[in-house]
């Protein structure tokens, strides 16, 4: 019977969480590559716009992401002014997930320090990149 330490279990679980996030981010980027404004073939429409007839803060985000992966940054900004910031969040998170996973696998850091640092960094990055979408009452 093989026994695992609490640290190894935490490390294993954190690696799984990172892998799940990596896959989700790659799916988001793949969606942006596959579907384009030029082909107007987006399978998902804005539910808010369908119901209310008004645009929301995330309207045009898929179109914006598609333009970003094609290098059309000005058009991306025209489609959704928040698109570049939100795309940057996902891109930086992808790199962060890969780096954190490598650090865990190579044992370059203690698990508790790494989790706390990663969580704080990700939270602050989220606040920075999504700040225009927060509704202040």
N, C-alpha and C. Protein backbone atom coordinates (compact mmCIF):
# COMPACT_ATOMS: atom_id res chain seq x y z
N UNK A 1 0.84 -1.17 0.00
CA UNK A 1 0.00 0.00 0.00
C UNK A 1 0.89 1.24 0.00
N UNK A 2 0.51 2.20 -0.82
CA UNK A 2 1.30 3.41 -0.96
C UNK A 2 0.64 4.53 -0.17
N UNK A 3 1.45 5.23 0.64
CA UNK A 3 0.93 6.32 1.44
C UNK A 3 1.38 7.65 0.83
N UNK A 4 0.47 8.59 0.82
CA UNK A 4 0.77 9.91 0.29
C UNK A 4 0.73 10.92 1.42
N UNK A 5 1.65 11.82 1.39
CA UNK A 5 1.65 12.87 2.39
C UNK A 5 0.59 13.91 2.04
N UNK A 6 0.22 14.68 3.02
CA UNK A 6 -0.78 15.74 2.81
C UNK A 6 -0.28 16.72 1.76
N UNK A 7 1.01 17.03 1.79
CA UNK A 7 1.60 17.95 0.81
C UNK A 7 1.49 17.40 -0.60
N UNK A 8 1.76 16.12 -0.78
CA UNK A 8 1.68 15.52 -2.11
C UNK A 8 0.24 15.48 -2.63
N UNK A 9 -0.70 15.26 -1.75
CA UNK A 9 -2.11 15.27 -2.15
C UNK A 9 -2.53 16.67 -2.58
N UNK A 10 -2.12 17.67 -1.80
CA UNK A 10 -2.44 19.06 -2.15
C UNK A 10 -1.80 19.42 -3.49
N UNK A 11 -0.53 19.04 -3.66
CA UNK A 11 0.18 19.33 -4.92
C UNK A 11 -0.52 18.66 -6.09
N UNK A 12 -0.90 17.42 -5.93
CA UNK A 12 -1.60 16.68 -6.98
C UNK A 12 -2.91 17.36 -7.34
N UNK A 13 -3.68 17.72 -6.35
CA UNK A 13 -4.97 18.39 -6.59
C UNK A 13 -4.78 19.75 -7.24
N UNK A 14 -3.76 20.49 -6.84
CA UNK A 14 -3.50 21.80 -7.43
C UNK A 14 -3.08 21.66 -8.89
N UNK A 15 -2.32 20.62 -9.18
CA UNK A 15 -1.94 20.35 -10.57
C UNK A 15 -3.17 20.03 -11.42
N UNK A 16 -4.10 19.29 -10.87
CA UNK A 16 -5.34 18.96 -11.59
C UNK A 16 -6.14 20.23 -11.86
N UNK A 17 -6.26 21.08 -10.84
CA UNK A 17 -6.98 22.35 -11.01
C UNK A 17 -6.32 23.19 -12.10
N UNK A 18 -4.99 23.27 -12.07
CA UNK A 18 -4.26 24.02 -13.10
C UNK A 18 -4.52 23.43 -14.48
N UNK A 19 -4.52 22.12 -14.59
CA UNK A 19 -4.77 21.47 -15.87
C UNK A 19 -6.17 21.79 -16.38
N UNK A 20 -7.14 21.77 -15.50
CA UNK A 20 -8.52 22.11 -15.89
C UNK A 20 -8.58 23.54 -16.42
N UNK A 21 -7.93 24.49 -15.71
CA UNK A 21 -7.92 25.88 -16.17
C UNK A 21 -7.20 26.02 -17.51
N UNK A 22 -6.10 25.30 -17.69
CA UNK A 22 -5.37 25.35 -18.96
C UNK A 22 -6.28 24.89 -20.09
N UNK A 23 -7.00 23.80 -19.90
CA UNK A 23 -7.90 23.28 -20.93
C UNK A 23 -9.01 24.28 -21.22
N UNK A 24 -9.61 24.87 -20.20
CA UNK A 24 -10.68 25.85 -20.39
C UNK A 24 -10.17 27.06 -21.18
N UNK A 25 -9.01 27.57 -20.81
CA UNK A 25 -8.45 28.73 -21.52
C UNK A 25 -8.14 28.38 -22.96
N UNK A 26 -7.57 27.21 -23.19
CA UNK A 26 -7.29 26.79 -24.57
C UNK A 26 -8.58 26.63 -25.38
N UNK A 27 -9.65 26.18 -24.74
CA UNK A 27 -10.94 26.09 -25.43
C UNK A 27 -11.46 27.48 -25.80
N UNK A 28 -11.29 28.44 -24.89
CA UNK A 28 -11.71 29.81 -25.17
C UNK A 28 -10.93 30.36 -26.37
N UNK A 29 -9.63 30.14 -26.38
CA UNK A 29 -8.80 30.62 -27.48
C UNK A 29 -9.15 29.88 -28.78
N UNK A 30 -9.42 28.59 -28.68
CA UNK A 30 -9.81 27.82 -29.87
C UNK A 30 -11.11 28.34 -30.45
N UNK A 31 -12.06 28.64 -29.60
CA UNK A 31 -13.33 29.23 -30.02
C UNK A 31 -13.08 30.53 -30.79
N UNK A 32 -12.15 31.33 -30.27
CA UNK A 32 -11.82 32.60 -30.91
C UNK A 32 -11.16 32.41 -32.26
N UNK A 33 -10.41 31.33 -32.41
CA UNK A 33 -9.74 31.05 -33.69
C UNK A 33 -10.73 30.46 -34.69
N UNK A 34 -11.58 29.56 -34.25
CA UNK A 34 -12.50 28.85 -35.15
C UNK A 34 -13.58 29.78 -35.70
N UNK A 35 -14.17 30.57 -34.83
CA UNK A 35 -15.27 31.44 -35.23
C UNK A 35 -14.73 32.85 -35.48
N UNK A 36 -15.29 33.52 -36.49
CA UNK A 36 -14.76 34.84 -36.84
C UNK A 36 -15.88 35.81 -37.20
N UNK A 37 -15.56 37.07 -37.05
CA UNK A 37 -16.49 38.13 -37.41
C UNK A 37 -16.76 38.11 -38.92
N UNK A 38 -15.72 37.82 -39.69
CA UNK A 38 -15.85 37.80 -41.14
C UNK A 38 -16.86 36.75 -41.59
N UNK A 39 -16.83 35.59 -40.96
CA UNK A 39 -17.76 34.51 -41.33
C UNK A 39 -19.11 34.63 -40.61
N UNK A 40 -19.14 35.45 -39.56
CA UNK A 40 -20.34 35.63 -38.73
C UNK A 40 -20.97 34.28 -38.39
N UNK A 41 -20.14 33.38 -37.87
CA UNK A 41 -20.59 32.02 -37.59
C UNK A 41 -20.56 31.68 -36.09
N UNK A 42 -20.77 32.66 -35.25
CA UNK A 42 -20.76 32.43 -33.81
C UNK A 42 -22.01 31.66 -33.39
N UNK A 43 -21.83 30.54 -32.70
CA UNK A 43 -23.00 29.75 -32.30
C UNK A 43 -23.72 30.27 -31.06
N UNK A 44 -23.05 31.14 -30.31
CA UNK A 44 -23.63 31.63 -29.06
C UNK A 44 -23.94 33.12 -29.20
N UNK A 45 -25.20 33.47 -29.00
CA UNK A 45 -25.64 34.86 -29.05
C UNK A 45 -25.76 35.39 -27.63
N UNK A 46 -25.72 36.69 -27.49
CA UNK A 46 -25.86 37.33 -26.19
C UNK A 46 -27.31 37.18 -25.70
N UNK A 47 -27.48 36.47 -24.60
CA UNK A 47 -28.82 36.24 -24.05
C UNK A 47 -29.43 37.56 -23.57
N UNK A 48 -28.61 38.40 -22.96
CA UNK A 48 -29.11 39.69 -22.47
C UNK A 48 -29.68 40.53 -23.61
N UNK A 49 -28.95 40.56 -24.73
CA UNK A 49 -29.41 41.34 -25.88
C UNK A 49 -30.67 40.73 -26.49
N UNK A 50 -30.75 39.41 -26.51
CA UNK A 50 -31.93 38.75 -27.05
C UNK A 50 -33.17 39.06 -26.22
N UNK A 51 -33.00 39.12 -24.91
CA UNK A 51 -34.14 39.34 -24.01
C UNK A 51 -34.53 40.82 -23.96
N UNK A 52 -33.53 41.69 -23.78
CA UNK A 52 -33.82 43.10 -23.57
C UNK A 52 -33.71 43.96 -24.83
N UNK A 53 -32.99 43.47 -25.82
CA UNK A 53 -32.75 44.25 -27.02
C UNK A 53 -31.64 45.28 -26.85
N UNK A 54 -31.02 45.30 -25.66
CA UNK A 54 -29.95 46.25 -25.37
C UNK A 54 -28.63 45.50 -25.23
N UNK A 55 -27.56 46.20 -25.58
CA UNK A 55 -26.24 45.58 -25.43
C UNK A 55 -25.80 45.64 -23.97
N UNK A 56 -24.94 44.71 -23.61
CA UNK A 56 -24.40 44.68 -22.25
C UNK A 56 -22.89 44.87 -22.33
N UNK A 57 -22.23 44.88 -21.19
CA UNK A 57 -20.78 45.13 -21.13
C UNK A 57 -19.97 44.02 -21.82
N UNK A 58 -20.57 42.85 -21.99
CA UNK A 58 -19.83 41.75 -22.63
C UNK A 58 -20.25 41.51 -24.08
N UNK A 59 -21.18 42.30 -24.59
CA UNK A 59 -21.57 42.15 -25.99
C UNK A 59 -20.36 42.43 -26.89
N UNK A 60 -20.15 41.56 -27.85
CA UNK A 60 -19.03 41.72 -28.77
C UNK A 60 -17.73 41.14 -28.27
N UNK A 61 -17.75 40.52 -27.10
CA UNK A 61 -16.51 39.99 -26.53
C UNK A 61 -15.94 38.84 -27.37
N UNK A 62 -16.80 37.95 -27.84
CA UNK A 62 -16.33 36.85 -28.71
C UNK A 62 -15.74 37.40 -29.99
N UNK A 63 -16.41 38.39 -30.57
CA UNK A 63 -15.89 39.03 -31.78
C UNK A 63 -14.55 39.70 -31.50
N UNK A 64 -14.46 40.36 -30.35
CA UNK A 64 -13.23 41.03 -29.97
C UNK A 64 -12.08 40.03 -29.81
N UNK A 65 -12.34 38.92 -29.13
CA UNK A 65 -11.32 37.87 -28.96
C UNK A 65 -10.87 37.34 -30.31
N UNK A 66 -11.81 37.14 -31.22
CA UNK A 66 -11.47 36.64 -32.55
C UNK A 66 -10.55 37.60 -33.29
N UNK A 67 -10.80 38.88 -33.12
CA UNK A 67 -9.94 39.87 -33.77
C UNK A 67 -8.56 39.92 -33.10
N UNK A 68 -8.51 39.74 -31.80
CA UNK A 68 -7.23 39.75 -31.09
C UNK A 68 -6.33 38.61 -31.57
N UNK A 69 -6.90 37.39 -31.68
CA UNK A 69 -6.06 36.26 -32.12
C UNK A 69 -5.62 36.43 -33.57
N UNK A 70 -6.27 37.30 -34.31
CA UNK A 70 -5.89 37.59 -35.69
C UNK A 70 -4.99 38.83 -35.79
N UNK A 71 -4.69 39.43 -34.62
CA UNK A 71 -3.79 40.58 -34.59
C UNK A 71 -4.44 41.91 -34.90
N UNK A 72 -5.77 41.95 -34.96
CA UNK A 72 -6.50 43.19 -35.27
C UNK A 72 -6.94 43.87 -33.97
N UNK A 73 -6.00 44.50 -33.30
CA UNK A 73 -6.27 45.04 -31.96
C UNK A 73 -7.21 46.24 -31.97
N UNK A 74 -7.09 47.10 -32.95
CA UNK A 74 -7.98 48.26 -33.00
C UNK A 74 -9.43 47.82 -33.24
N UNK A 75 -9.60 46.88 -34.15
CA UNK A 75 -10.96 46.35 -34.41
C UNK A 75 -11.50 45.65 -33.16
N UNK A 76 -10.62 44.94 -32.46
CA UNK A 76 -11.03 44.27 -31.22
C UNK A 76 -11.53 45.28 -30.21
N UNK A 77 -10.83 46.40 -30.09
CA UNK A 77 -11.23 47.45 -29.16
C UNK A 77 -12.55 48.08 -29.59
N UNK A 78 -12.75 48.24 -30.90
CA UNK A 78 -14.00 48.80 -31.41
C UNK A 78 -15.18 47.87 -31.11
N UNK A 79 -14.96 46.59 -31.14
CA UNK A 79 -16.04 45.63 -30.91
C UNK A 79 -16.42 45.54 -29.44
N UNK A 80 -15.42 45.61 -28.56
CA UNK A 80 -15.68 45.62 -27.12
C UNK A 80 -14.45 46.23 -26.46
N UNK A 81 -14.62 47.37 -25.83
CA UNK A 81 -13.48 48.08 -25.25
C UNK A 81 -12.80 47.31 -24.13
N UNK A 82 -13.49 46.33 -23.56
CA UNK A 82 -12.92 45.52 -22.49
C UNK A 82 -12.23 44.26 -23.02
N UNK A 83 -12.40 43.96 -24.30
CA UNK A 83 -11.92 42.71 -24.86
C UNK A 83 -10.44 42.47 -24.69
N UNK A 84 -9.63 43.48 -24.93
CA UNK A 84 -8.17 43.32 -24.84
C UNK A 84 -7.76 43.02 -23.40
N UNK A 85 -8.38 43.68 -22.44
CA UNK A 85 -8.04 43.46 -21.03
C UNK A 85 -8.44 42.05 -20.58
N UNK A 86 -9.63 41.63 -20.99
CA UNK A 86 -10.11 40.31 -20.58
C UNK A 86 -9.30 39.21 -21.28
N UNK A 87 -8.98 39.43 -22.56
CA UNK A 87 -8.13 38.48 -23.27
C UNK A 87 -6.76 38.40 -22.59
N UNK A 88 -6.22 39.55 -22.20
CA UNK A 88 -4.92 39.59 -21.50
C UNK A 88 -4.98 38.77 -20.21
N UNK A 89 -6.11 38.88 -19.49
CA UNK A 89 -6.27 38.09 -18.26
C UNK A 89 -6.13 36.61 -18.57
N UNK A 90 -6.86 36.13 -19.57
CA UNK A 90 -6.80 34.70 -19.90
C UNK A 90 -5.42 34.29 -20.41
N UNK A 91 -4.78 35.13 -21.21
CA UNK A 91 -3.46 34.82 -21.73
C UNK A 91 -2.44 34.74 -20.59
N UNK A 92 -2.45 35.72 -19.70
CA UNK A 92 -1.53 35.72 -18.55
C UNK A 92 -1.83 34.53 -17.64
N UNK A 93 -3.12 34.21 -17.46
CA UNK A 93 -3.46 33.05 -16.64
C UNK A 93 -2.96 31.75 -17.26
N UNK A 94 -3.03 31.65 -18.59
CA UNK A 94 -2.51 30.45 -19.25
C UNK A 94 -1.02 30.29 -18.95
N UNK A 95 -0.27 31.36 -19.11
CA UNK A 95 1.17 31.30 -18.82
C UNK A 95 1.41 31.00 -17.34
N UNK A 96 0.63 31.64 -16.48
CA UNK A 96 0.77 31.42 -15.04
C UNK A 96 0.48 29.98 -14.67
N UNK A 97 -0.61 29.41 -15.23
CA UNK A 97 -0.94 28.01 -14.93
C UNK A 97 0.19 27.08 -15.35
N UNK A 98 0.79 27.34 -16.52
CA UNK A 98 1.90 26.52 -17.00
C UNK A 98 3.12 26.66 -16.08
N UNK A 99 3.44 27.90 -15.69
CA UNK A 99 4.59 28.13 -14.80
C UNK A 99 4.38 27.52 -13.42
N UNK A 100 3.20 27.71 -12.86
CA UNK A 100 2.90 27.16 -11.54
C UNK A 100 2.98 25.63 -11.58
N UNK A 101 2.46 25.04 -12.63
CA UNK A 101 2.53 23.58 -12.76
C UNK A 101 3.97 23.11 -12.84
N UNK A 102 4.79 23.81 -13.62
CA UNK A 102 6.21 23.45 -13.74
C UNK A 102 6.91 23.59 -12.39
N UNK A 103 6.62 24.66 -11.67
CA UNK A 103 7.23 24.87 -10.35
C UNK A 103 6.84 23.74 -9.40
N UNK A 104 5.58 23.33 -9.44
CA UNK A 104 5.13 22.24 -8.58
C UNK A 104 5.81 20.93 -8.95
N UNK A 105 5.87 20.63 -10.22
CA UNK A 105 6.46 19.37 -10.67
C UNK A 105 7.95 19.32 -10.34
N UNK A 106 8.64 20.44 -10.49
CA UNK A 106 10.08 20.48 -10.25
C UNK A 106 10.45 20.78 -8.79
N UNK A 107 9.44 20.95 -7.93
CA UNK A 107 9.63 21.19 -6.50
C UNK A 107 10.50 22.42 -6.22
N UNK A 108 10.26 23.51 -6.93
CA UNK A 108 11.02 24.74 -6.73
C UNK A 108 10.47 25.61 -5.60
N UNK A 109 9.34 25.25 -5.07
CA UNK A 109 8.71 26.09 -4.05
C UNK A 109 7.89 25.22 -3.11
N UNK A 110 7.66 25.75 -1.91
CA UNK A 110 6.76 25.05 -1.01
C UNK A 110 5.33 25.28 -1.48
N UNK A 111 4.50 24.29 -1.31
CA UNK A 111 3.14 24.32 -1.84
C UNK A 111 2.32 25.45 -1.24
N UNK A 112 2.42 25.67 0.07
CA UNK A 112 1.61 26.71 0.72
C UNK A 112 1.98 28.10 0.21
N UNK A 113 3.27 28.39 0.10
CA UNK A 113 3.73 29.68 -0.40
C UNK A 113 3.26 29.88 -1.84
N UNK A 114 3.38 28.85 -2.65
CA UNK A 114 3.00 28.94 -4.05
C UNK A 114 1.50 29.18 -4.21
N UNK A 115 0.69 28.46 -3.48
CA UNK A 115 -0.77 28.62 -3.58
C UNK A 115 -1.19 30.02 -3.15
N UNK A 116 -0.65 30.51 -2.06
CA UNK A 116 -1.00 31.84 -1.58
C UNK A 116 -0.56 32.90 -2.59
N UNK A 117 0.66 32.80 -3.07
CA UNK A 117 1.18 33.77 -4.05
C UNK A 117 0.36 33.73 -5.33
N UNK A 118 0.09 32.54 -5.81
CA UNK A 118 -0.69 32.37 -7.03
C UNK A 118 -2.10 32.94 -6.87
N UNK A 119 -2.72 32.67 -5.74
CA UNK A 119 -4.08 33.16 -5.49
C UNK A 119 -4.13 34.68 -5.44
N UNK A 120 -3.18 35.27 -4.73
CA UNK A 120 -3.15 36.74 -4.63
C UNK A 120 -2.90 37.36 -6.00
N UNK A 121 -1.93 36.84 -6.73
CA UNK A 121 -1.62 37.35 -8.07
C UNK A 121 -2.85 37.25 -8.98
N UNK A 122 -3.50 36.09 -8.99
CA UNK A 122 -4.65 35.87 -9.86
C UNK A 122 -5.81 36.78 -9.49
N UNK A 123 -6.03 36.97 -8.21
CA UNK A 123 -7.11 37.84 -7.75
C UNK A 123 -6.85 39.29 -8.17
N UNK A 124 -5.64 39.77 -7.96
CA UNK A 124 -5.31 41.15 -8.34
C UNK A 124 -5.37 41.34 -9.85
N UNK A 125 -4.91 40.35 -10.60
CA UNK A 125 -4.99 40.41 -12.06
C UNK A 125 -6.45 40.45 -12.51
N UNK A 126 -7.30 39.65 -11.87
CA UNK A 126 -8.72 39.65 -12.19
C UNK A 126 -9.32 41.04 -11.94
N UNK A 127 -9.03 41.61 -10.79
CA UNK A 127 -9.56 42.95 -10.47
C UNK A 127 -9.10 43.98 -11.50
N UNK A 128 -7.85 43.90 -11.90
CA UNK A 128 -7.32 44.84 -12.87
C UNK A 128 -7.97 44.68 -14.24
N UNK A 129 -8.05 43.46 -14.73
CA UNK A 129 -8.53 43.22 -16.09
C UNK A 129 -10.05 43.31 -16.23
N UNK A 130 -10.78 43.04 -15.18
CA UNK A 130 -12.24 43.05 -15.24
C UNK A 130 -12.85 44.28 -14.57
N UNK A 131 -12.03 45.26 -14.21
CA UNK A 131 -12.51 46.40 -13.45
C UNK A 131 -13.65 47.16 -14.13
N UNK A 132 -13.65 47.20 -15.45
CA UNK A 132 -14.71 47.94 -16.16
C UNK A 132 -16.03 47.19 -16.19
N UNK A 133 -16.04 45.94 -15.77
CA UNK A 133 -17.28 45.18 -15.78
C UNK A 133 -17.97 45.15 -14.41
N UNK A 134 -17.30 45.68 -13.39
CA UNK A 134 -17.91 45.70 -12.07
C UNK A 134 -18.96 46.79 -12.00
N UNK A 135 -20.10 46.44 -11.48
CA UNK A 135 -21.19 47.41 -11.32
C UNK A 135 -21.12 47.96 -9.90
N UNK A 136 -20.96 49.26 -9.81
CA UNK A 136 -20.91 49.92 -8.50
C UNK A 136 -22.28 50.54 -8.26
N UNK A 137 -22.89 50.19 -7.17
CA UNK A 137 -24.23 50.69 -6.85
C UNK A 137 -24.21 52.07 -6.33
